[in-house]
Amino acid sequence: MKIVFMGTPEFAIPSLKILLESNHKIVAVVSAPDKERGRGKQISSTPVKNFALENNLEVLTPISLKDEKFIQRLIELDPDLFIVVAFRILPKDVYTIPAKGSFNLHGSLLPKYRGAAPIQWSIINGETETGVTTFFLEDKVDTGNIIVQEKIKIDEEDDFGSLHDKMMIIGANVVLQTVELIEKGNVVPSKQNDSIASPAPKITKEICKIDWDRSDIEIHNLVRGLSPHPGAYFEHNGKTYKVFKTKIIGDHLPVIRDQFKQEFSTDDSQSHKAGRILESKKEIFIKTKNSYLQILELQAEGRKRMTAEEFLRGHSIIV
């Protein structure tokens, strides 16, 4: 089949690669326009555009998806199918062009976690299972009929980065499976149950800020869901600290109390409030609503990411 592939980040590359290695033909790739990236504000292309150019594919980078010249070029390509992986919301004038329709790869088991950040929210909410879904595009975002779903276990040590990489590879195989089902006419689409849908909104700075008045498990999962980027953070003494890895103390709280006897000897209520920080020569603990959480990896303002032990060799959060 003749396919137009649409995607922007690294997440989409394995899907494009597996299609290139199949017996299908990629007639064009659509990606976001070049823009300034990084501290140097240098103009750079998206990972998908770079990969497409390396493989001598035609690349379209429209500023507007409603641009008449862009739409006309898509029509001229006479595609059988559009495939969307981590791209923008397509207008109806675009996604209805292909003879066999358009489908999207989504990073959750729809209708659960509809929205821009399904991988992050599955971890933040403490899920132990997620998956990938392909579905036909419709006007309302992430609501189309489901084609293929595959479940993925979320391990206790998974963070956003590791789960993203797992889903990137599994998703590529599901994309190829979906294409083959469509080509053979073997698709049996299933309607989504809107009554059990849940949101996965875009990650904002407000979401990333740690609220120490929450429980240890809630904060631990927030850190996992935002690591390695954009990173959960907290502010102390006018400085910002990003946190990338934590450990739940759980039943070992008495050991912490014994380790910091002097700090726990006071009855001062201020000393035991959420957000209180304990430091030893190698370890950092911060008080949560119900316990203490150990900080394993962090990054101070203007410094690189490091382990707590590395950080404490020359720095202190308290002082």
C-alpha atoms as a PDB file:
ATOM      1  CA  MET A   1       0.000   0.000   0.000  1.00  0.00           C
ATOM      2  CA  LYS A   2       0.998   3.630  -0.527  1.00  0.00           C
ATOM      3  CA  ILE A   3       1.396   5.309   2.842  1.00  0.00           C
ATOM      4  CA  VAL A   4       1.885   8.867   4.070  1.00  0.00           C
ATOM      5  CA  PHE A   5       3.496   8.783   7.519  1.00  0.00           C
ATOM      6  CA  MET A   6       3.045  11.658   9.986  1.00  0.00           C
ATOM      7  CA  GLY A   7       5.161  12.096  13.103  1.00  0.00           C
ATOM      8  CA  THR A   8       7.587  14.369  14.918  1.00  0.00           C
ATOM      9  CA  PRO A   9       9.611  12.925  17.863  1.00  0.00           C
ATOM     10  CA  GLU A  10      11.937   9.980  18.300  1.00  0.00           C
ATOM     11  CA  PHE A  11       8.967   7.896  19.503  1.00  0.00           C
ATOM     12  CA  ALA A  12       7.686   7.736  15.891  1.00  0.00           C
ATOM     13  CA  ILE A  13      10.945   6.585  14.255  1.00  0.00           C
ATOM     14  CA  PRO A  14      10.689   2.809  14.951  1.00  0.00           C
ATOM     15  CA  SER A  15       7.204   2.823  13.382  1.00  0.00           C
ATOM     16  CA  LEU A  16       8.492   4.589  10.270  1.00  0.00           C
ATOM     17  CA  LYS A  17      11.507   2.277  10.110  1.00  0.00           C
ATOM     18  CA  ILE A  18       9.469  -0.926  10.317  1.00  0.00           C
ATOM     19  CA  LEU A  19       7.221   0.299   7.507  1.00  0.00           C
ATOM     20  CA  LEU A  20      10.236   1.149   5.339  1.00  0.00           C
ATOM     21  CA  GLU A  21      11.503  -2.395   5.810  1.00  0.00           C
ATOM     22  CA  SER A  22       8.133  -3.885   4.852  1.00  0.00           C
ATOM     23  CA  ASN A  23       6.650  -4.371   1.395  1.00  0.00           C
ATOM     24  CA  HIS A  24       4.659  -1.119   1.700  1.00  0.00           C
ATOM     25  CA  LYS A  25       5.662   2.151   0.075  1.00  0.00           C
ATOM     26  CA  ILE A  26       6.155   5.370   2.035  1.00  0.00           C
ATOM     27  CA  VAL A  27       5.271   8.035  -0.542  1.00  0.00           C
ATOM     28  CA  ALA A  28       5.860  10.966   1.846  1.00  0.00           C
ATOM     29  CA  VAL A  29       6.527  11.889   5.454  1.00  0.00           C
ATOM     30  CA  VAL A  30       4.850  14.818   7.196  1.00  0.00           C
ATOM     31  CA  SER A  31       6.555  16.417  10.217  1.00  0.00           C
ATOM     32  CA  ALA A  32       6.678  19.693  12.134  1.00  0.00           C
ATOM     33  CA  PRO A  33       8.532  22.667  10.624  1.00  0.00           C
ATOM     34  CA  ASP A  34      12.139  23.404  11.585  1.00  0.00           C
ATOM     35  CA  LYS A  35      12.484  25.658  14.620  1.00  0.00           C
ATOM     36  CA  GLU A  36      14.927  27.019  17.165  1.00  0.00           C
ATOM     37  CA  ARG A  37      15.837  24.382  19.735  1.00  0.00           C
ATOM     38  CA  GLY A  38      18.104  24.296  22.770  1.00  0.00           C
ATOM     39  CA  ARG A  39      19.952  27.043  24.594  1.00  0.00           C
ATOM     40  CA  GLY A  40      21.869  28.064  21.493  1.00  0.00           C
ATOM     41  CA  LYS A  41      18.613  28.745  19.621  1.00  0.00           C
ATOM     42  CA  GLN A  42      19.976  26.908  16.612  1.00  0.00           C
ATOM     43  CA  ILE A  43      17.561  25.960  13.834  1.00  0.00           C
ATOM     44  CA  SER A  44      17.041  22.209  13.780  1.00  0.00           C
ATOM     45  CA  SER A  45      14.725  19.642  12.254  1.00  0.00           C
ATOM     46  CA  THR A  46      12.572  17.060  14.001  1.00  0.00           C
ATOM     47  CA  PRO A  47      13.935  13.528  14.558  1.00  0.00           C
ATOM     48  CA  VAL A  48      11.359  12.135  12.095  1.00  0.00           C
ATOM     49  CA  LYS A  49      12.317  14.637   9.381  1.00  0.00           C
ATOM     50  CA  ASN A  50      16.010  13.834   9.818  1.00  0.00           C
ATOM     51  CA  PHE A  51      15.347  10.093   9.597  1.00  0.00           C
ATOM     52  CA  ALA A  52      13.151  10.552   6.509  1.00  0.00           C
ATOM     53  CA  LEU A  53      15.771  12.633   4.687  1.00  0.00           C
ATOM     54  CA  GLU A  54      18.470  10.066   5.526  1.00  0.00           C
ATOM     55  CA  ASN A  55      16.266   7.507   3.763  1.00  0.00           C
ATOM     56  CA  ASN A  56      15.569   9.728   0.721  1.00  0.00           C
ATOM     57  CA  LEU A  57      11.890  10.214   1.474  1.00  0.00           C
ATOM     58  CA  GLU A  58       9.860  13.253   0.464  1.00  0.00           C
ATOM     59  CA  VAL A  59       9.188  15.396   3.532  1.00  0.00           C
ATOM     60  CA  LEU A  60       6.364  17.897   3.976  1.00  0.00           C
ATOM     61  CA  THR A  61       6.544  20.386   6.892  1.00  0.00           C
ATOM     62  CA  PRO A  62       3.446  22.588   6.701  1.00  0.00           C
ATOM     63  CA  ILE A  63       2.978  25.395   9.204  1.00  0.00           C
ATOM     64  CA  SER A  64      -0.779  24.988   8.844  1.00  0.00           C
ATOM     65  CA  LEU A  65      -2.409  21.616   8.197  1.00  0.00           C
ATOM     66  CA  LYS A  66      -5.172  23.476   6.370  1.00  0.00           C
ATOM     67  CA  ASP A  67      -2.761  24.981   3.851  1.00  0.00           C
ATOM     68  CA  GLU A  68      -4.228  24.447   0.345  1.00  0.00           C
ATOM     69  CA  LYS A  69      -0.889  23.587  -1.286  1.00  0.00           C
ATOM     70  CA  PHE A  70      -0.181  21.008   1.411  1.00  0.00           C
ATOM     71  CA  ILE A  71      -3.598  19.379   1.011  1.00  0.00           C
ATOM     72  CA  GLN A  72      -3.256  19.396  -2.777  1.00  0.00           C
ATOM     73  CA  ARG A  73       0.118  17.635  -2.538  1.00  0.00           C
ATOM     74  CA  LEU A  74      -1.393  14.951  -0.304  1.00  0.00           C
ATOM     75  CA  ILE A  75      -4.153  14.386  -2.872  1.00  0.00           C
ATOM     76  CA  GLU A  76      -1.580  14.150  -5.693  1.00  0.00           C
ATOM     77  CA  LEU A  77       0.285  11.421  -3.818  1.00  0.00           C
ATOM     78  CA  ASP A  78      -2.869   9.282  -4.086  1.00  0.00           C
ATOM     79  CA  PRO A  79      -2.229   7.456  -0.777  1.00  0.00           C
ATOM     80  CA  ASP A  80      -4.062   4.378   0.419  1.00  0.00           C
ATOM     81  CA  LEU A  81      -3.473   5.174   4.082  1.00  0.00           C
ATOM     82  CA  PHE A  82      -2.304   7.879   6.496  1.00  0.00           C
ATOM     83  CA  ILE A  83      -0.469   6.769   9.652  1.00  0.00           C
ATOM     84  CA  VAL A  84      -0.096   9.191  12.543  1.00  0.00           C
ATOM     85  CA  VAL A  85       2.392   8.617  15.383  1.00  0.00           C
ATOM     86  CA  ALA A  86       2.959  11.479  17.843  1.00  0.00           C
ATOM     87  CA  PHE A  87       1.897  14.293  15.540  1.00  0.00           C
ATOM     88  CA  ARG A  88      -0.708  17.047  15.516  1.00  0.00           C
ATOM     89  CA  ILE A  89      -4.499  16.838  15.350  1.00  0.00           C
ATOM     90  CA  LEU A  90      -5.488  16.402  11.702  1.00  0.00           C
ATOM     91  CA  PRO A  91      -8.419  18.351  10.251  1.00  0.00           C
ATOM     92  CA  LYS A  92     -11.155  16.331   8.573  1.00  0.00           C
ATOM     93  CA  ASP A  93     -10.132  17.653   5.137  1.00  0.00           C
ATOM     94  CA  VAL A  94      -6.808  15.877   5.651  1.00  0.00           C
ATOM     95  CA  TYR A  95      -7.600  12.600   7.412  1.00  0.00           C
ATOM     96  CA  THR A  96     -10.382  11.735   4.938  1.00  0.00           C
ATOM     97  CA  ILE A  97      -8.066  11.897   1.889  1.00  0.00           C
ATOM     98  CA  PRO A  98      -6.795   8.263   1.829  1.00  0.00           C
ATOM     99  CA  ALA A  99      -8.958   5.554   0.297  1.00  0.00           C
ATOM    100  CA  LYS A 100      -8.520   3.266   3.336  1.00  0.00           C
ATOM    101  CA  GLY A 101      -8.660   6.015   5.956  1.00  0.00           C
ATOM    102  CA  SER A 102      -6.213   7.268   8.585  1.00  0.00           C
ATOM    103  CA  PHE A 103      -5.162   5.734  11.869  1.00  0.00           C
ATOM    104  CA  ASN A 104      -3.210   6.860  14.919  1.00  0.00           C
ATOM    105  CA  LEU A 105      -0.920   5.025  17.352  1.00  0.00           C
ATOM    106  CA  HIS A 106      -1.720   6.073  20.931  1.00  0.00           C
ATOM    107  CA  GLY A 107       0.286   5.325  24.079  1.00  0.00           C
ATOM    108  CA  SER A 108      -2.468   3.883  26.257  1.00  0.00           C
ATOM    109  CA  LEU A 109      -5.254   1.320  26.319  1.00  0.00           C
ATOM    110  CA  LEU A 110      -7.985   3.602  25.016  1.00  0.00           C
ATOM    111  CA  PRO A 111     -10.389   4.905  26.144  1.00  0.00           C
ATOM    112  CA  LYS A 112      -8.140   5.173  29.194  1.00  0.00           C
ATOM    113  CA  TYR A 113      -5.812   8.194  29.128  1.00  0.00           C
ATOM    114  CA  ARG A 114      -7.056  10.193  26.190  1.00  0.00           C
ATOM    115  CA  GLY A 115      -4.873  13.244  25.668  1.00  0.00           C
ATOM    116  CA  ALA A 116      -1.356  14.544  25.146  1.00  0.00           C
ATOM    117  CA  ALA A 117       0.510  12.684  27.925  1.00  0.00           C
ATOM    118  CA  PRO A 118      -0.831   9.128  28.331  1.00  0.00           C
ATOM    119  CA  ILE A 119       2.510   7.529  29.218  1.00  0.00           C
ATOM    120  CA  GLN A 120       3.256  10.042  31.969  1.00  0.00           C
ATOM    121  CA  TRP A 121      -0.199   9.865  33.545  1.00  0.00           C
ATOM    122  CA  SER A 122      -0.267   6.072  33.633  1.00  0.00           C
ATOM    123  CA  ILE A 123       2.819   6.172  35.898  1.00  0.00           C
ATOM    124  CA  ILE A 124       1.749   9.241  37.901  1.00  0.00           C
ATOM    125  CA  ASN A 125      -1.528   7.477  38.710  1.00  0.00           C
ATOM    126  CA  GLY A 126       0.269   4.327  39.855  1.00  0.00           C
ATOM    127  CA  GLU A 127      -0.934   1.995  37.107  1.00  0.00           C
ATOM    128  CA  THR A 128       0.725  -1.420  36.844  1.00  0.00           C
ATOM    129  CA  GLU A 129      -0.399  -1.982  33.260  1.00  0.00           C
ATOM    130  CA  THR A 130      -0.793   0.139  30.154  1.00  0.00           C
ATOM    131  CA  GLY A 131      -0.499  -0.480  26.425  1.00  0.00           C
ATOM    132  CA  VAL A 132      -0.694   0.877  22.907  1.00  0.00           C
ATOM    133  CA  THR A 133      -3.733   1.318  20.692  1.00  0.00           C
ATOM    134  CA  THR A 134      -4.272   1.952  17.003  1.00  0.00           C
ATOM    135  CA  PHE A 135      -7.565   3.577  16.064  1.00  0.00           C
ATOM    136  CA  PHE A 136      -9.212   5.221  13.073  1.00  0.00           C
ATOM    137  CA  LEU A 137      -9.266   9.013  13.201  1.00  0.00           C
ATOM    138  CA  GLU A 138     -12.490  10.869  13.859  1.00  0.00           C
ATOM    139  CA  ASP A 139     -13.322  14.517  14.554  1.00  0.00           C
ATOM    140  CA  LYS A 140     -13.080  14.194  18.329  1.00  0.00           C
ATOM    141  CA  VAL A 141      -9.540  13.540  19.557  1.00  0.00           C
ATOM    142  CA  ASP A 142      -8.662   9.955  20.607  1.00  0.00           C
ATOM    143  CA  THR A 143     -12.232   8.686  20.220  1.00  0.00           C
ATOM    144  CA  GLY A 144     -12.122   6.674  16.978  1.00  0.00           C
ATOM    145  CA  ASN A 145     -12.858   2.979  16.617  1.00  0.00           C
ATOM    146  CA  ILE A 146     -10.105   0.723  17.962  1.00  0.00           C
ATOM    147  CA  ILE A 147      -8.206  -1.519  15.531  1.00  0.00           C
ATOM    148  CA  VAL A 148      -5.453  -3.203  17.621  1.00  0.00           C
ATOM    149  CA  GLN A 149      -4.435  -3.028  21.284  1.00  0.00           C
ATOM    150  CA  GLU A 150      -1.471  -4.592  23.051  1.00  0.00           C
ATOM    151  CA  LYS A 151      -0.945  -4.547  26.813  1.00  0.00           C
ATOM    152  CA  ILE A 152       2.358  -3.628  28.470  1.00  0.00           C
ATOM    153  CA  LYS A 153       3.350  -4.231  32.099  1.00  0.00           C
ATOM    154  CA  ILE A 154       4.601  -1.224  34.052  1.00  0.00           C
ATOM    155  CA  ASP A 155       7.421  -2.419  36.296  1.00  0.00           C
ATOM    156  CA  GLU A 156       8.069  -0.852  39.701  1.00  0.00           C
ATOM    157  CA  GLU A 157      11.360   0.592  38.442  1.00  0.00           C
ATOM    158  CA  ASP A 158       9.879   2.036  35.249  1.00  0.00           C
ATOM    159  CA  ASP A 159       9.894   5.775  34.785  1.00  0.00           C
ATOM    160  CA  PHE A 160       8.646   7.834  31.846  1.00  0.00           C
ATOM    161  CA  GLY A 161      11.885   7.280  29.920  1.00  0.00           C
ATOM    162  CA  SER A 162      12.006   3.489  30.222  1.00  0.00           C
ATOM    163  CA  LEU A 163       8.278   3.001  29.577  1.00  0.00           C
ATOM    164  CA  HIS A 164       8.444   5.367  26.580  1.00  0.00           C
ATOM    165  CA  ASP A 165      11.212   3.245  25.053  1.00  0.00           C
ATOM    166  CA  LYS A 166       9.304  -0.011  25.599  1.00  0.00           C
ATOM    167  CA  MET A 167       6.164   1.410  24.017  1.00  0.00           C
ATOM    168  CA  MET A 168       8.116   2.868  21.108  1.00  0.00           C
ATOM    169  CA  ILE A 169       9.235  -0.618  20.008  1.00  0.00           C
ATOM    170  CA  ILE A 170       6.007  -2.469  20.782  1.00  0.00           C
ATOM    171  CA  GLY A 171       4.045   0.331  19.108  1.00  0.00           C
ATOM    172  CA  ALA A 172       6.008  -0.082  15.883  1.00  0.00           C
ATOM    173  CA  ASN A 173       5.023  -3.755  15.670  1.00  0.00           C
ATOM    174  CA  VAL A 174       1.385  -2.864  16.334  1.00  0.00           C
ATOM    175  CA  VAL A 175       1.522  -0.254  13.546  1.00  0.00           C
ATOM    176  CA  LEU A 176       2.734  -2.850  11.032  1.00  0.00           C
ATOM    177  CA  GLN A 177       0.150  -5.370  12.259  1.00  0.00           C
ATOM    178  CA  THR A 178      -2.563  -2.741  11.787  1.00  0.00           C
ATOM    179  CA  VAL A 179      -1.424  -1.922   8.249  1.00  0.00           C
ATOM    180  CA  GLU A 180      -1.515  -5.590   7.267  1.00  0.00           C
ATOM    181  CA  LEU A 181      -5.007  -6.039   8.720  1.00  0.00           C
ATOM    182  CA  ILE A 182      -6.257  -3.012   6.775  1.00  0.00           C
ATOM    183  CA  GLU A 183      -4.616  -4.187   3.555  1.00  0.00           C
ATOM    184  CA  LYS A 184      -6.244  -7.623   3.819  1.00  0.00           C
ATOM    185  CA  GLY A 185      -9.611  -6.193   4.831  1.00  0.00           C
ATOM    186  CA  ASN A 186      -9.517  -8.105   8.113  1.00  0.00           C
ATOM    187  CA  VAL A 187     -10.131  -5.201  10.488  1.00  0.00           C
ATOM    188  CA  VAL A 188     -12.944  -5.651  13.001  1.00  0.00           C
ATOM    189  CA  PRO A 189     -13.028  -2.201  14.659  1.00  0.00           C
ATOM    190  CA  SER A 190     -14.479  -1.851  18.145  1.00  0.00           C
ATOM    191  CA  LYS A 191     -16.224   1.244  19.451  1.00  0.00           C
ATOM    192  CA  GLN A 192     -14.744   3.008  22.482  1.00  0.00           C
ATOM    193  CA  ASN A 193     -16.772   3.142  25.677  1.00  0.00           C
ATOM    194  CA  ASP A 194     -16.853   6.869  26.464  1.00  0.00           C
ATOM    195  CA  SER A 195     -18.260   6.238  29.950  1.00  0.00           C
ATOM    196  CA  ILE A 196     -14.933   4.775  31.152  1.00  0.00           C
ATOM    197  CA  ALA A 197     -12.670   7.313  29.423  1.00  0.00           C
ATOM    198  CA  SER A 198     -10.071   9.157  31.499  1.00  0.00           C
ATOM    199  CA  PRO A 199      -8.002  12.252  30.635  1.00  0.00           C
ATOM    200  CA  ALA A 200      -4.246  12.584  30.117  1.00  0.00           C
ATOM    201  CA  PRO A 201      -3.745  16.341  29.785  1.00  0.00           C
ATOM    202  CA  LYS A 202      -0.547  18.079  28.736  1.00  0.00           C
ATOM    203  CA  ILE A 203       2.128  18.205  31.442  1.00  0.00           C
ATOM    204  CA  THR A 204       2.468  21.745  32.805  1.00  0.00           C
ATOM    205  CA  LYS A 205       4.936  23.350  35.204  1.00  0.00           C
ATOM    206  CA  GLU A 206       2.238  23.363  37.896  1.00  0.00           C
ATOM    207  CA  ILE A 207       1.818  19.581  37.583  1.00  0.00           C
ATOM    208  CA  CYS A 208       5.593  19.095  37.936  1.00  0.00           C
ATOM    209  CA  LYS A 209       5.812  20.909  41.278  1.00  0.00           C
ATOM    210  CA  ILE A 210       5.992  18.496  44.216  1.00  0.00           C
ATOM    211  CA  ASP A 211       3.423  18.965  46.968  1.00  0.00           C
ATOM    212  CA  TRP A 212       4.976  17.436  50.077  1.00  0.00           C
ATOM    213  CA  ASP A 213       1.537  17.347  51.707  1.00  0.00           C
ATOM    214  CA  ARG A 214       0.763  14.372  49.472  1.00  0.00           C
ATOM    215  CA  SER A 215       1.621  10.764  50.383  1.00  0.00           C
ATOM    216  CA  ASP A 216       5.003   9.178  49.736  1.00  0.00           C
ATOM    217  CA  ILE A 217       3.622   6.867  47.023  1.00  0.00           C
ATOM    218  CA  GLU A 218       1.898   9.749  45.215  1.00  0.00           C
ATOM    219  CA  ILE A 219       5.099  11.815  45.141  1.00  0.00           C
ATOM    220  CA  HIS A 220       7.207   8.778  44.202  1.00  0.00           C
ATOM    221  CA  ASN A 221       4.923   8.079  41.212  1.00  0.00           C
ATOM    222  CA  LEU A 222       4.941  11.744  40.177  1.00  0.00           C
ATOM    223  CA  VAL A 223       8.746  11.671  40.101  1.00  0.00           C
ATOM    224  CA  ARG A 224       8.735   8.444  38.043  1.00  0.00           C
ATOM    225  CA  GLY A 225       6.158   9.784  35.609  1.00  0.00           C
ATOM    226  CA  LEU A 226       8.158  12.941  34.912  1.00  0.00           C
ATOM    227  CA  SER A 227      11.666  11.448  34.778  1.00  0.00           C
ATOM    228  CA  PRO A 228      13.920  12.132  32.925  1.00  0.00           C
ATOM    229  CA  HIS A 229      11.973  15.074  31.532  1.00  0.00           C
ATOM    230  CA  PRO A 230      10.523  17.527  32.244  1.00  0.00           C
ATOM    231  CA  GLY A 231      11.291  16.454  35.830  1.00  0.00           C
ATOM    232  CA  ALA A 232       9.395  16.907  39.092  1.00  0.00           C
ATOM    233  CA  TYR A 233      10.755  19.750  41.218  1.00  0.00           C
ATOM    234  CA  PHE A 234      10.544  21.550  44.546  1.00  0.00           C
ATOM    235  CA  GLU A 235      11.735  24.910  45.819  1.00  0.00           C
ATOM    236  CA  HIS A 236      13.684  25.513  49.021  1.00  0.00           C
ATOM    237  CA  ASN A 237      15.424  28.647  50.286  1.00  0.00           C
ATOM    238  CA  GLY A 238      14.861  30.390  46.963  1.00  0.00           C
ATOM    239  CA  LYS A 239      16.414  27.596  44.885  1.00  0.00           C
ATOM    240  CA  THR A 240      14.819  25.008  42.598  1.00  0.00           C
ATOM    241  CA  TYR A 241      15.708  21.314  42.735  1.00  0.00           C
ATOM    242  CA  LYS A 242      14.606  18.728  40.204  1.00  0.00           C
ATOM    243  CA  VAL A 243      14.092  15.183  41.487  1.00  0.00           C
ATOM    244  CA  PHE A 244      14.587  12.213  39.154  1.00  0.00           C
ATOM    245  CA  LYS A 245      14.581   9.177  41.412  1.00  0.00           C
ATOM    246  CA  THR A 246      13.171   8.441  44.858  1.00  0.00           C
ATOM    247  CA  LYS A 247      12.711   5.510  47.204  1.00  0.00           C
ATOM    248  CA  ILE A 248       9.768   4.778  49.470  1.00  0.00           C
ATOM    249  CA  ILE A 249      10.932   4.165  53.051  1.00  0.00           C
ATOM    250  CA  GLY A 250       7.810   2.270  54.118  1.00  0.00           C
ATOM    251  CA  ASP A 251       8.407   0.050  57.134  1.00  0.00           C
ATOM    252  CA  HIS A 252      11.976   1.352  57.550  1.00  0.00           C
ATOM    253  CA  LEU A 253      10.860   4.686  59.046  1.00  0.00           C
ATOM    254  CA  PRO A 254      12.085   3.639  62.552  1.00  0.00           C
ATOM    255  CA  VAL A 255      15.581   3.265  61.058  1.00  0.00           C
ATOM    256  CA  ILE A 256      15.398   6.866  59.842  1.00  0.00           C
ATOM    257  CA  ARG A 257      14.226   8.020  63.257  1.00  0.00           C
ATOM    258  CA  ASP A 258      17.158   6.214  64.864  1.00  0.00           C
ATOM    259  CA  GLN A 259      19.608   7.672  62.321  1.00  0.00           C
ATOM    260  CA  PHE A 260      18.419  11.222  63.035  1.00  0.00           C
ATOM    261  CA  LYS A 261      17.823  10.939  66.804  1.00  0.00           C
ATOM    262  CA  GLN A 262      18.603  14.565  67.523  1.00  0.00           C
ATOM    263  CA  GLU A 263      16.192  15.863  64.868  1.00  0.00           C
ATOM    264  CA  PHE A 264      13.402  13.646  66.212  1.00  0.00           C
ATOM    265  CA  SER A 265      14.022  14.497  69.863  1.00  0.00           C
ATOM    266  CA  THR A 266      12.158  17.791  69.619  1.00  0.00           C
ATOM    267  CA  ASP A 267       8.411  18.130  70.007  1.00  0.00           C
ATOM    268  CA  ASP A 268       8.384  21.276  67.874  1.00  0.00           C
ATOM    269  CA  SER A 269       5.497  20.737  65.419  1.00  0.00           C
ATOM    270  CA  GLN A 270       7.297  22.810  62.767  1.00  0.00           C
ATOM    271  CA  SER A 271      10.087  20.229  62.694  1.00  0.00           C
ATOM    272  CA  HIS A 272       7.724  17.492  61.661  1.00  0.00           C
ATOM    273  CA  LYS A 273       5.794  19.276  58.910  1.00  0.00           C
ATOM    274  CA  ALA A 274       5.628  18.008  55.343  1.00  0.00           C
ATOM    275  CA  GLY A 275       8.625  19.255  53.365  1.00  0.00           C
ATOM    276  CA  ARG A 276      11.076  18.928  56.261  1.00  0.00           C
ATOM    277  CA  ILE A 277      14.512  17.864  54.962  1.00  0.00           C
ATOM    278  CA  LEU A 278      16.949  15.496  56.673  1.00  0.00           C
ATOM    279  CA  GLU A 279      20.515  15.144  55.403  1.00  0.00           C
ATOM    280  CA  SER A 280      23.364  12.839  56.329  1.00  0.00           C
ATOM    281  CA  LYS A 281      26.740  12.617  54.594  1.00  0.00           C
ATOM    282  CA  LYS A 282      25.267  10.381  51.893  1.00  0.00           C
ATOM    283  CA  GLU A 283      21.455  10.480  52.102  1.00  0.00           C
ATOM    284  CA  ILE A 284      18.581  12.936  51.744  1.00  0.00           C
ATOM    285  CA  PHE A 285      15.096  12.366  53.154  1.00  0.00           C
ATOM    286  CA  ILE A 286      12.080  14.686  52.850  1.00  0.00           C
ATOM    287  CA  LYS A 287       8.924  14.519  54.959  1.00  0.00           C
ATOM    288  CA  THR A 288       5.685  13.713  53.125  1.00  0.00           C
ATOM    289  CA  LYS A 289       2.112  13.628  54.401  1.00  0.00           C
ATOM    290  CA  ASN A 290       2.543  10.149  55.884  1.00  0.00           C
ATOM    291  CA  SER A 291       6.256   9.337  56.002  1.00  0.00           C
ATOM    292  CA  TYR A 292       9.660  10.295  54.625  1.00  0.00           C
ATOM    293  CA  LEU A 293      10.783   9.829  51.012  1.00  0.00           C
ATOM    294  CA  GLN A 294      14.426   9.190  50.142  1.00  0.00           C
ATOM    295  CA  ILE A 295      15.834  11.329  47.320  1.00  0.00           C
ATOM    296  CA  LEU A 296      18.194   9.207  45.209  1.00  0.00           C
ATOM    297  CA  GLU A 297      18.881  11.452  42.198  1.00  0.00           C
ATOM    298  CA  LEU A 298      18.446  15.199  41.879  1.00  0.00           C
ATOM    299  CA  GLN A 299      19.639  18.297  40.074  1.00  0.00           C
ATOM    300  CA  ALA A 300      20.246  21.665  41.694  1.00  0.00           C
ATOM    301  CA  GLU A 301      19.744  24.877  39.749  1.00  0.00           C
ATOM    302  CA  GLY A 302      22.586  25.409  37.286  1.00  0.00           C
ATOM    303  CA  ARG A 303      24.149  22.017  38.000  1.00  0.00           C
ATOM    304  CA  LYS A 304      24.051  18.575  36.407  1.00  0.00           C
ATOM    305  CA  ARG A 305      21.939  15.609  37.492  1.00  0.00           C
ATOM    306  CA  MET A 306      23.652  13.534  40.187  1.00  0.00           C
ATOM    307  CA  THR A 307      23.065  10.990  42.920  1.00  0.00           C
ATOM    308  CA  ALA A 308      22.296  12.234  46.420  1.00  0.00           C
ATOM    309  CA  GLU A 309      25.699  11.025  47.601  1.00  0.00           C
ATOM    310  CA  GLU A 310      27.476  12.962  44.829  1.00  0.00           C
ATOM    311  CA  PHE A 311      25.408  16.063  45.581  1.00  0.00           C
ATOM    312  CA  LEU A 312      26.165  15.961  49.318  1.00  0.00           C
ATOM    313  CA  ARG A 313      29.934  15.861  48.802  1.00  0.00           C
ATOM    314  CA  GLY A 314      29.964  19.595  48.225  1.00  0.00           C
ATOM    315  CA  HIS A 315      26.408  20.868  48.648  1.00  0.00           C
ATOM    316  CA  SER A 316      23.475  20.990  51.006  1.00  0.00           C
ATOM    317  CA  ILE A 317      19.785  21.687  50.456  1.00  0.00           C
ATOM    318  CA  ILE A 318      19.258  22.741  54.078  1.00  0.00           C
ATOM    319  CA  VAL A 319      22.073  25.309  54.215  1.00  0.00           C
END
